[in-house]
C-alpha atoms as a PDB file:
ATOM      1  CA  UNK A   1     -79.721  61.798 -12.468  1.00  0.00           C
ATOM      2  CA  UNK A   2     -81.081  58.620 -10.941  1.00  0.00           C
ATOM      3  CA  UNK A   3     -83.865  58.165  -8.753  1.00  0.00           C
ATOM      4  CA  UNK A   4     -83.577  55.380  -6.232  1.00  0.00           C
ATOM      5  CA  UNK A   5     -86.261  53.232  -5.554  1.00  0.00           C
ATOM      6  CA  UNK A   6     -84.279  50.208  -3.992  1.00  0.00           C
ATOM      7  CA  UNK A   7     -81.373  50.043  -1.411  1.00  0.00           C
ATOM      8  CA  UNK A   8     -79.572  47.817  -3.859  1.00  0.00           C
ATOM      9  CA  UNK A   9     -79.530  50.841  -6.206  1.00  0.00           C
ATOM     10  CA  UNK A  10     -77.188  52.905  -3.863  1.00  0.00           C
ATOM     11  CA  UNK A  11     -73.782  51.049  -4.771  1.00  0.00           C
ATOM     12  CA  UNK A  12     -74.031  51.700  -8.221  1.00  0.00           C
ATOM     13  CA  UNK A  13     -74.663  55.391  -7.710  1.00  0.00           C
ATOM     14  CA  UNK A  14     -72.202  55.996  -5.153  1.00  0.00           C
ATOM     15  CA  UNK A  15     -70.613  59.915  -5.343  1.00  0.00           C
ATOM     16  CA  UNK A  16     -73.706  60.472  -7.899  1.00  0.00           C
ATOM     17  CA  UNK A  17     -76.562  63.003  -7.540  1.00  0.00           C
ATOM     18  CA  UNK A  18     -79.734  61.038  -6.931  1.00  0.00           C
ATOM     19  CA  UNK A  19     -83.290  61.317  -5.772  1.00  0.00           C
ATOM     20  CA  UNK A  20     -84.760  59.231  -3.307  1.00  0.00           C
ATOM     21  CA  UNK A  21     -88.269  59.126  -1.866  1.00  0.00           C
ATOM     22  CA  UNK A  22     -89.372  58.132   1.434  1.00  0.00           C
ATOM     23  CA  UNK A  23     -90.164  59.321   4.939  1.00  0.00           C
ATOM     24  CA  UNK A  24     -88.286  60.365   8.148  1.00  0.00           C
ATOM     25  CA  UNK A  25     -88.170  57.245  10.333  1.00  0.00           C
ATOM     26  CA  UNK A  26     -90.107  56.655  13.386  1.00  0.00           C
ATOM     27  CA  UNK A  27     -88.252  53.730  14.510  1.00  0.00           C
ATOM     28  CA  UNK A  28     -84.529  54.266  14.442  1.00  0.00           C
ATOM     29  CA  UNK A  29     -82.359  51.326  13.318  1.00  0.00           C
ATOM     30  CA  UNK A  30     -78.629  50.992  14.562  1.00  0.00           C
ATOM     31  CA  UNK A  31     -76.536  52.732  11.901  1.00  0.00           C
ATOM     32  CA  UNK A  32     -72.805  54.442  11.388  1.00  0.00           C
ATOM     33  CA  UNK A  33     -73.278  58.222  11.695  1.00  0.00           C
ATOM     34  CA  UNK A  34     -70.642  60.792  10.876  1.00  0.00           C
ATOM     35  CA  UNK A  35     -70.805  64.668  11.381  1.00  0.00           C
ATOM     36  CA  UNK A  36     -70.789  66.891   8.308  1.00  0.00           C
ATOM     37  CA  UNK A  37     -69.957  70.573   9.094  1.00  0.00           C
ATOM     38  CA  UNK A  38     -72.111  71.627   5.839  1.00  0.00           C
ATOM     39  CA  UNK A  39     -74.863  69.486   6.772  1.00  0.00           C
ATOM     40  CA  UNK A  40     -75.434  69.733  10.543  1.00  0.00           C
ATOM     41  CA  UNK A  41     -78.984  68.006  10.767  1.00  0.00           C
ATOM     42  CA  UNK A  42     -78.833  64.140  10.954  1.00  0.00           C
ATOM     43  CA  UNK A  43     -82.349  62.258  10.176  1.00  0.00           C
ATOM     44  CA  UNK A  44     -82.704  58.304   9.926  1.00  0.00           C
ATOM     45  CA  UNK A  45     -84.871  58.033   6.329  1.00  0.00           C
ATOM     46  CA  UNK A  46     -87.092  54.914   5.639  1.00  0.00           C
ATOM     47  CA  UNK A  47     -86.789  54.266   1.659  1.00  0.00           C
ATOM     48  CA  UNK A  48     -89.970  52.763  -0.180  1.00  0.00           C
ATOM     49  CA  UNK A  49     -88.683  49.452  -0.077  1.00  0.00           C
ATOM     50  CA  UNK A  50     -88.271  49.270   3.639  1.00  0.00           C
ATOM     51  CA  UNK A  51     -84.892  50.042   4.015  1.00  0.00           C
ATOM     52  CA  UNK A  52     -83.413  52.782   6.225  1.00  0.00           C
ATOM     53  CA  UNK A  53     -80.578  54.907   5.478  1.00  0.00           C
ATOM     54  CA  UNK A  54     -79.090  58.126   7.426  1.00  0.00           C
ATOM     55  CA  UNK A  55     -79.400  61.890   5.429  1.00  0.00           C
ATOM     56  CA  UNK A  56     -77.541  64.802   6.336  1.00  0.00           C
ATOM     57  CA  UNK A  57     -79.292  68.121   5.946  1.00  0.00           C
ATOM     58  CA  UNK A  58     -78.449  71.743   5.993  1.00  0.00           C
ATOM     59  CA  UNK A  59     -81.855  72.921   7.825  1.00  0.00           C
ATOM     60  CA  UNK A  60     -84.316  70.558   9.670  1.00  0.00           C
ATOM     61  CA  UNK A  61     -86.914  68.856   7.667  1.00  0.00           C
ATOM     62  CA  UNK A  62     -90.271  69.761   8.551  1.00  0.00           C
ATOM     63  CA  UNK A  63     -92.174  67.169   6.128  1.00  0.00           C
ATOM     64  CA  UNK A  64     -94.183  64.620   8.309  1.00  0.00           C
ATOM     65  CA  UNK A  65     -95.350  62.402   5.095  1.00  0.00           C
ATOM     66  CA  UNK A  66     -93.642  61.425   2.013  1.00  0.00           C
ATOM     67  CA  UNK A  67     -90.625  63.362   0.966  1.00  0.00           C
ATOM     68  CA  UNK A  68     -88.457  63.701  -2.047  1.00  0.00           C
ATOM     69  CA  UNK A  69     -84.862  64.257  -1.379  1.00  0.00           C
ATOM     70  CA  UNK A  70     -82.075  65.044  -3.926  1.00  0.00           C
ATOM     71  CA  UNK A  71     -78.478  64.698  -2.841  1.00  0.00           C
ATOM     72  CA  UNK A  72     -75.292  63.142  -3.295  1.00  0.00           C
ATOM     73  CA  UNK A  73     -74.589  59.373  -2.170  1.00  0.00           C
ATOM     74  CA  UNK A  74     -71.489  58.873   0.097  1.00  0.00           C
ATOM     75  CA  UNK A  75     -70.139  55.828   1.932  1.00  0.00           C
ATOM     76  CA  UNK A  76     -69.230  56.027   5.709  1.00  0.00           C
ATOM     77  CA  UNK A  77     -66.927  53.376   6.755  1.00  0.00           C
ATOM     78  CA  UNK A  78     -65.776  52.264  10.258  1.00  0.00           C
ATOM     79  CA  UNK A  79     -63.719  49.417  11.891  1.00  0.00           C
ATOM     80  CA  UNK A  80     -65.750  46.377  13.219  1.00  0.00           C
ATOM     81  CA  UNK A  81     -65.869  46.906  17.083  1.00  0.00           C
ATOM     82  CA  UNK A  82     -64.921  43.152  17.885  1.00  0.00           C
ATOM     83  CA  UNK A  83     -60.827  43.207  17.601  1.00  0.00           C
ATOM     84  CA  UNK A  84     -61.166  39.418  18.138  1.00  0.00           C
ATOM     85  CA  UNK A  85     -63.398  38.735  14.920  1.00  0.00           C
ATOM     86  CA  UNK A  86     -62.447  36.922  11.973  1.00  0.00           C
ATOM     87  CA  UNK A  87     -64.577  38.925   9.714  1.00  0.00           C
ATOM     88  CA  UNK A  88     -63.626  41.971   7.720  1.00  0.00           C
ATOM     89  CA  UNK A  89     -62.477  44.557   9.907  1.00  0.00           C
ATOM     90  CA  UNK A  90     -64.296  47.255   7.805  1.00  0.00           C
ATOM     91  CA  UNK A  91     -67.996  48.038   7.868  1.00  0.00           C
ATOM     92  CA  UNK A  92     -69.720  50.666   5.565  1.00  0.00           C
ATOM     93  CA  UNK A  93     -73.098  52.211   4.894  1.00  0.00           C
ATOM     94  CA  UNK A  94     -74.561  54.460   2.155  1.00  0.00           C
ATOM     95  CA  UNK A  95     -75.632  57.516   2.996  1.00  0.00           C
ATOM     96  CA  UNK A  96     -77.146  60.989   1.196  1.00  0.00           C
ATOM     97  CA  UNK A  97     -75.684  64.436   1.798  1.00  0.00           C
ATOM     98  CA  UNK A  98     -79.011  66.367   1.179  1.00  0.00           C
ATOM     99  CA  UNK A  99     -79.006  69.289  -1.555  1.00  0.00           C
ATOM    100  CA  UNK A 100     -82.594  69.827  -1.420  1.00  0.00           C
ATOM    101  CA  UNK A 101     -86.052  68.202  -0.244  1.00  0.00           C
ATOM    102  CA  UNK A 102     -89.708  68.875  -0.843  1.00  0.00           C
ATOM    103  CA  UNK A 103     -92.757  67.458   1.138  1.00  0.00           C
ATOM    104  CA  UNK A 104     -94.878  65.300  -1.253  1.00  0.00           C
ATOM    105  CA  UNK A 105     -97.972  64.618   0.690  1.00  0.00           C
END
């Protein structure tokens, strides 16, 4: 199982179990979101390298500081919102289905 320390590591670990470290975000960036029946809680999560992803959990996270999370990386895709755009009409993000988490600090 790989420990992800940089956003650039996400693509090569797609559909794999990974560990990430960071904090629940205070400032929320704009992201794609989805609903996962088995993981009804959603959080915006700041990775240590300054990037942010969306994580889905089975229960609410109670940590106020650093968190270590184990989960499976998924890819969420959507169509581009502007039908006149000449850019690719698909947009995707890497997100995490959380198996477990623990407070570090």
